[in-house]
Amino acid sequence: MAGGQPMECTMKRFVVYQLLSTVLIALLSPCAVVADTGKDQTSIQVDKVFADLQKAGSPGCALGIFRNAQIIYAKGYGLASVELNSPITPETVFDIGSTSKQFTASSILLLERQGKLSVSDDVRKYIPELPDYSKSGGHKITILNLLNHTSGLRDYLALLQLSGVSGDSVTTDDDALALIVRQKLLGFAPGTDWAYSNTGFFLLSVIVKRVSATTLREFAAQNVFQPLHMTHTSFRDDHTML
């Protein structure tokens, strides 16, 4: 996993949202009505909006326009990788960042439905190498605390940044877990406050792996994405993937 990945994804989404809002404004204007002017005119109007992304060496995005549940326009702009000069196409797979947390949570709840865990379980039942925080604060951390960001665990991505690790550096699961278990104190007693935590969802991925005896990527593929026919969606556990 990339140490600075969530921040990068947030910035990318912000840029895309700005661009798409501009596209919607353009497409709703009289000069860009598809029914009146056809797909060629739509293409011209959309290309104008994304002109800056068609310059050499520019990062970009993919755009799809739907009408009555049908794709009427799809095109990629710019590069998926500036370093590799790899262009974006309508089939390019994008990193959705923290939007993936819903699928991690779904995997945990599916395991609970299968009777393999309970969200009220102490996290140390599955990750015993974590410090016993109940000795100092009188509270155990439950799986539910991880799910709703009330564990009190410090965010490991922030800890990586404080330790000088670059956002472009590759941090393995073992590296992240080793960093987390070294934290002897919590930010607050579990269940008494709320703080957004990438640490919590990383630990949930560890629990999925240990309980299911497979990776989160494989478990989610078999139990979440395939049943929903999400054939182009997967967890990214290979940092070399574009």
Protein backbone atom coordinates (compact mmCIF):
# COMPACT_ATOMS: atom_id res chain seq x y z
CA MET A 1 0.00 0.00 0.00
CA ALA A 2 1.27 3.50 -0.67
CA GLY A 3 1.82 5.56 2.47
CA GLY A 4 0.26 8.73 1.10
CA GLN A 5 -2.36 7.06 -1.06
CA PRO A 6 -5.52 8.33 0.71
CA MET A 7 -4.36 11.96 0.47
CA GLU A 8 -3.50 11.58 -3.21
CA CYS A 9 -6.86 9.99 -3.96
CA THR A 10 -8.71 12.73 -2.16
CA MET A 11 -6.99 15.36 -4.26
CA LYS A 12 -7.70 13.47 -7.46
CA ARG A 13 -11.36 13.15 -6.62
CA PHE A 14 -11.57 16.87 -5.84
CA VAL A 15 -10.15 17.74 -9.26
CA VAL A 16 -12.45 15.27 -11.01
CA TYR A 17 -15.51 16.62 -9.19
CA GLN A 18 -14.63 20.14 -10.32
CA LEU A 19 -14.21 19.00 -13.91
CA LEU A 20 -17.39 16.94 -13.96
CA SER A 21 -19.45 19.80 -12.57
CA THR A 22 -18.17 21.92 -15.43
CA VAL A 23 -19.04 19.17 -17.89
CA LEU A 24 -22.59 18.95 -16.56
CA ILE A 25 -23.03 22.69 -16.94
CA ALA A 26 -21.74 22.50 -20.49
CA LEU A 27 -23.93 19.56 -21.42
CA LEU A 28 -27.06 21.17 -20.03
CA SER A 29 -26.59 24.30 -22.09
CA PRO A 30 -28.63 24.65 -25.31
CA CYS A 31 -25.59 24.37 -27.53
CA ALA A 32 -24.76 20.91 -26.19
CA VAL A 33 -28.05 19.05 -26.19
CA VAL A 34 -27.35 15.57 -27.51
CA ALA A 35 -30.80 15.06 -29.01
CA ASP A 36 -30.47 18.18 -31.16
CA THR A 37 -26.89 18.01 -32.28
CA GLY A 38 -25.88 14.35 -32.11
CA LYS A 39 -22.87 12.61 -30.61
CA ASP A 40 -20.35 14.49 -32.76
CA GLN A 41 -21.41 17.82 -31.31
CA THR A 42 -21.39 16.33 -27.80
CA SER A 43 -17.84 15.14 -28.37
CA ILE A 44 -16.76 18.60 -29.47
CA GLN A 45 -18.31 20.26 -26.42
CA VAL A 46 -16.86 17.74 -23.96
CA ASP A 47 -13.42 17.85 -25.57
CA LYS A 48 -13.37 21.61 -25.05
CA VAL A 49 -13.95 21.15 -21.32
CA PHE A 50 -11.12 18.62 -21.06
CA ALA A 51 -8.76 20.37 -23.47
CA ASP A 52 -6.13 20.97 -20.78
CA LEU A 53 -5.97 17.24 -20.08
CA GLN A 54 -5.09 16.45 -23.68
CA LYS A 55 -1.76 18.24 -23.51
CA ALA A 56 1.40 16.14 -23.59
CA GLY A 57 2.35 14.73 -20.20
CA SER A 58 -0.94 15.65 -18.54
CA PRO A 59 -2.66 13.47 -15.92
CA GLY A 60 -6.33 13.04 -16.65
CA CYS A 61 -9.61 11.22 -16.09
CA ALA A 62 -12.23 9.07 -17.79
CA LEU A 63 -15.72 10.33 -18.58
CA GLY A 64 -18.95 8.47 -19.17
CA ILE A 65 -22.31 10.05 -20.04
CA PHE A 66 -25.43 7.97 -19.42
CA ARG A 67 -28.96 8.44 -20.73
CA ASN A 68 -31.79 6.06 -19.83
CA ALA A 69 -29.29 3.59 -18.34
CA GLN A 70 -27.31 3.54 -21.59
CA ILE A 71 -23.81 4.87 -22.18
CA ILE A 72 -24.06 7.48 -24.92
CA TYR A 73 -20.51 8.81 -24.61
CA ALA A 74 -17.29 7.45 -23.11
CA LYS A 75 -13.76 8.71 -23.49
CA GLY A 76 -10.46 8.93 -21.64
CA TYR A 77 -8.37 12.07 -21.32
CA GLY A 78 -4.73 12.43 -20.35
CA LEU A 79 -2.46 9.78 -18.84
CA ALA A 80 -2.98 7.07 -16.26
CA SER A 81 0.79 7.13 -15.69
CA VAL A 82 2.87 10.12 -16.69
CA GLU A 83 6.05 8.13 -16.05
CA LEU A 84 5.00 5.27 -18.35
CA ASN A 85 3.12 7.49 -20.82
CA SER A 86 0.10 5.20 -20.41
CA PRO A 87 -3.11 6.81 -21.75
CA ILE A 88 -6.45 6.75 -19.95
CA THR A 89 -9.24 4.93 -21.78
CA PRO A 90 -12.89 4.26 -20.83
CA GLU A 91 -11.65 0.87 -19.52
CA THR A 92 -8.95 2.32 -17.24
CA VAL A 93 -9.31 1.22 -13.60
CA PHE A 94 -8.97 4.03 -11.06
CA ASP A 95 -7.88 3.97 -7.43
CA ILE A 96 -10.99 4.96 -5.44
CA GLY A 97 -9.06 5.51 -2.21
CA SER A 98 -11.08 5.50 0.99
CA THR A 99 -14.31 4.77 -0.86
CA SER A 100 -13.05 1.18 -0.60
CA LYS A 101 -13.70 1.20 3.16
CA GLN A 102 -17.34 0.26 2.53
CA PHE A 103 -16.19 -2.97 0.91
CA THR A 104 -13.85 -3.77 3.80
CA ALA A 105 -16.78 -3.25 6.17
CA SER A 106 -18.99 -5.44 3.98
CA SER A 107 -16.41 -8.23 4.15
CA ILE A 108 -16.36 -8.07 7.94
CA LEU A 109 -20.17 -8.17 8.14
CA LEU A 110 -20.29 -11.11 5.74
CA LEU A 111 -17.88 -13.00 7.99
CA GLU A 112 -20.15 -12.21 10.93
CA ARG A 113 -23.14 -13.54 8.97
CA GLN A 114 -21.14 -16.72 8.34
CA GLY A 115 -20.64 -17.06 12.10
CA LYS A 116 -16.88 -16.63 11.94
CA LEU A 117 -16.68 -13.50 14.09
CA SER A 118 -18.76 -10.92 15.93
CA VAL A 119 -18.38 -7.16 15.73
CA SER A 120 -18.46 -7.16 19.54
CA ASP A 121 -15.30 -9.29 19.66
CA ASP A 122 -12.11 -7.92 21.18
CA VAL A 123 -9.75 -7.08 18.30
CA ARG A 124 -6.94 -8.85 20.16
CA LYS A 125 -8.79 -12.13 19.64
CA TYR A 126 -7.61 -11.93 16.03
CA ILE A 127 -4.57 -9.64 16.37
CA PRO A 128 -3.03 -10.68 19.72
CA GLU A 129 0.17 -8.76 19.01
CA LEU A 130 -1.68 -5.50 19.66
CA PRO A 131 -1.03 -4.02 23.12
CA ASP A 132 -3.66 -4.79 25.76
CA TYR A 133 -5.03 -1.27 26.00
CA SER A 134 -7.65 -2.38 28.53
CA LYS A 135 -4.91 -2.48 31.18
CA SER A 136 -4.37 1.27 30.95
CA GLY A 137 -7.80 2.56 29.97
CA GLY A 138 -10.12 -0.15 31.19
CA HIS A 139 -11.62 -0.64 27.72
CA LYS A 140 -11.08 -3.26 25.06
CA ILE A 141 -11.15 -2.32 21.38
CA THR A 142 -13.90 -4.14 19.51
CA ILE A 143 -14.31 -4.77 15.81
CA LEU A 144 -17.24 -2.36 15.95
CA ASN A 145 -14.89 0.34 17.27
CA LEU A 146 -12.73 -0.17 14.19
CA LEU A 147 -15.75 0.01 11.90
CA ASN A 148 -17.11 3.26 13.32
CA HIS A 149 -13.79 5.04 13.96
CA THR A 150 -14.10 5.03 17.76
CA SER A 151 -11.09 2.86 18.63
CA GLY A 152 -8.79 5.67 19.77
CA LEU A 153 -5.95 4.23 17.69
CA ARG A 154 -3.73 6.82 16.06
CA ASP A 155 -3.76 6.97 12.27
CA TYR A 156 -0.75 5.06 10.98
CA LEU A 157 -0.56 7.20 7.83
CA ALA A 158 -0.06 10.29 9.98
CA LEU A 159 2.56 8.41 12.00
CA LEU A 160 4.39 7.49 8.80
CA GLN A 161 4.44 11.13 7.72
CA LEU A 162 5.72 12.21 11.14
CA SER A 163 8.51 9.65 10.87
CA GLY A 164 9.60 11.17 7.56
CA VAL A 165 8.30 8.46 5.23
CA SER A 166 7.53 9.88 1.80
CA GLY A 167 4.02 9.64 0.41
CA ASP A 168 5.49 7.88 -2.63
CA SER A 169 7.15 5.19 -0.51
CA VAL A 170 5.84 1.63 -0.47
CA THR A 171 4.69 0.46 2.95
CA THR A 172 4.01 -3.27 3.31
CA ASP A 173 1.30 -4.75 5.52
CA ASP A 174 4.00 -6.03 7.86
CA ASP A 175 5.53 -2.54 8.09
CA ALA A 176 2.17 -0.97 8.90
CA LEU A 177 1.26 -3.57 11.52
CA ALA A 178 4.67 -3.26 13.19
CA LEU A 179 4.18 0.52 13.42
CA ILE A 180 0.70 0.16 14.89
CA VAL A 181 1.62 -2.37 17.58
CA ARG A 182 4.39 -0.08 18.80
CA GLN A 183 1.80 2.51 19.85
CA LYS A 184 1.35 1.85 23.57
CA LEU A 185 -1.20 4.59 24.26
CA LEU A 186 -4.53 5.49 22.68
CA GLY A 187 -5.73 8.93 21.69
CA PHE A 188 -8.89 8.32 23.74
CA ALA A 189 -10.65 5.43 25.44
CA PRO A 190 -12.48 3.23 22.91
CA GLY A 191 -16.08 4.27 22.37
CA THR A 192 -15.74 7.66 24.07
CA ASP A 193 -14.88 9.79 21.03
CA TRP A 194 -14.59 9.68 17.24
CA ALA A 195 -11.59 10.20 14.95
CA TYR A 196 -11.27 9.11 11.33
CA SER A 197 -8.87 6.19 11.29
CA ASN A 198 -7.10 4.44 8.44
CA THR A 199 -5.52 2.30 11.14
CA GLY A 200 -8.89 0.81 12.03
CA PHE A 201 -9.65 -0.28 8.49
CA PHE A 202 -6.15 -1.61 7.95
CA LEU A 203 -6.65 -3.80 11.03
CA LEU A 204 -10.03 -4.90 9.65
CA SER A 205 -8.24 -6.09 6.51
CA VAL A 206 -5.85 -8.08 8.71
CA ILE A 207 -8.82 -9.66 10.51
CA VAL A 208 -10.45 -10.63 7.20
CA LYS A 209 -7.21 -12.26 6.10
CA ARG A 210 -6.73 -14.21 9.32
CA VAL A 211 -10.34 -15.32 9.74
CA SER A 212 -10.98 -16.26 6.11
CA ALA A 213 -7.49 -17.66 5.45
CA THR A 214 -7.36 -15.62 2.26
CA THR A 215 -6.50 -12.06 1.34
CA LEU A 216 -9.00 -9.21 1.52
CA ARG A 217 -8.64 -8.89 -2.24
CA GLU A 218 -9.62 -12.53 -2.79
CA PHE A 219 -12.38 -12.57 -0.18
CA ALA A 220 -14.01 -9.40 -1.51
CA ALA A 221 -13.72 -10.65 -5.09
CA GLN A 222 -15.54 -13.90 -4.29
CA ASN A 223 -18.10 -12.59 -1.82
CA VAL A 224 -18.75 -8.97 -2.80
CA PHE A 225 -17.64 -7.99 -6.28
CA GLN A 226 -18.46 -11.14 -8.26
CA PRO A 227 -22.03 -11.48 -6.88
CA LEU A 228 -22.60 -7.81 -7.76
CA HIS A 229 -21.06 -8.26 -11.24
CA MET A 230 -18.43 -5.61 -10.44
CA THR A 231 -15.98 -7.20 -12.85
CA HIS A 232 -13.56 -4.27 -12.96
CA THR A 233 -13.33 -3.70 -9.20
CA SER A 234 -10.74 -5.19 -6.85
CA PHE A 235 -8.54 -4.31 -3.92
CA ARG A 236 -5.12 -3.10 -5.01
CA ASP A 237 -2.51 -5.10 -3.10
CA ASP A 238 0.13 -4.84 -5.81
CA HIS A 239 1.86 -1.44 -5.82
CA THR A 240 3.14 -2.01 -9.38
CA MET A 241 -0.42 -1.89 -10.79
CA LEU A 242 -1.34 1.28 -12.70
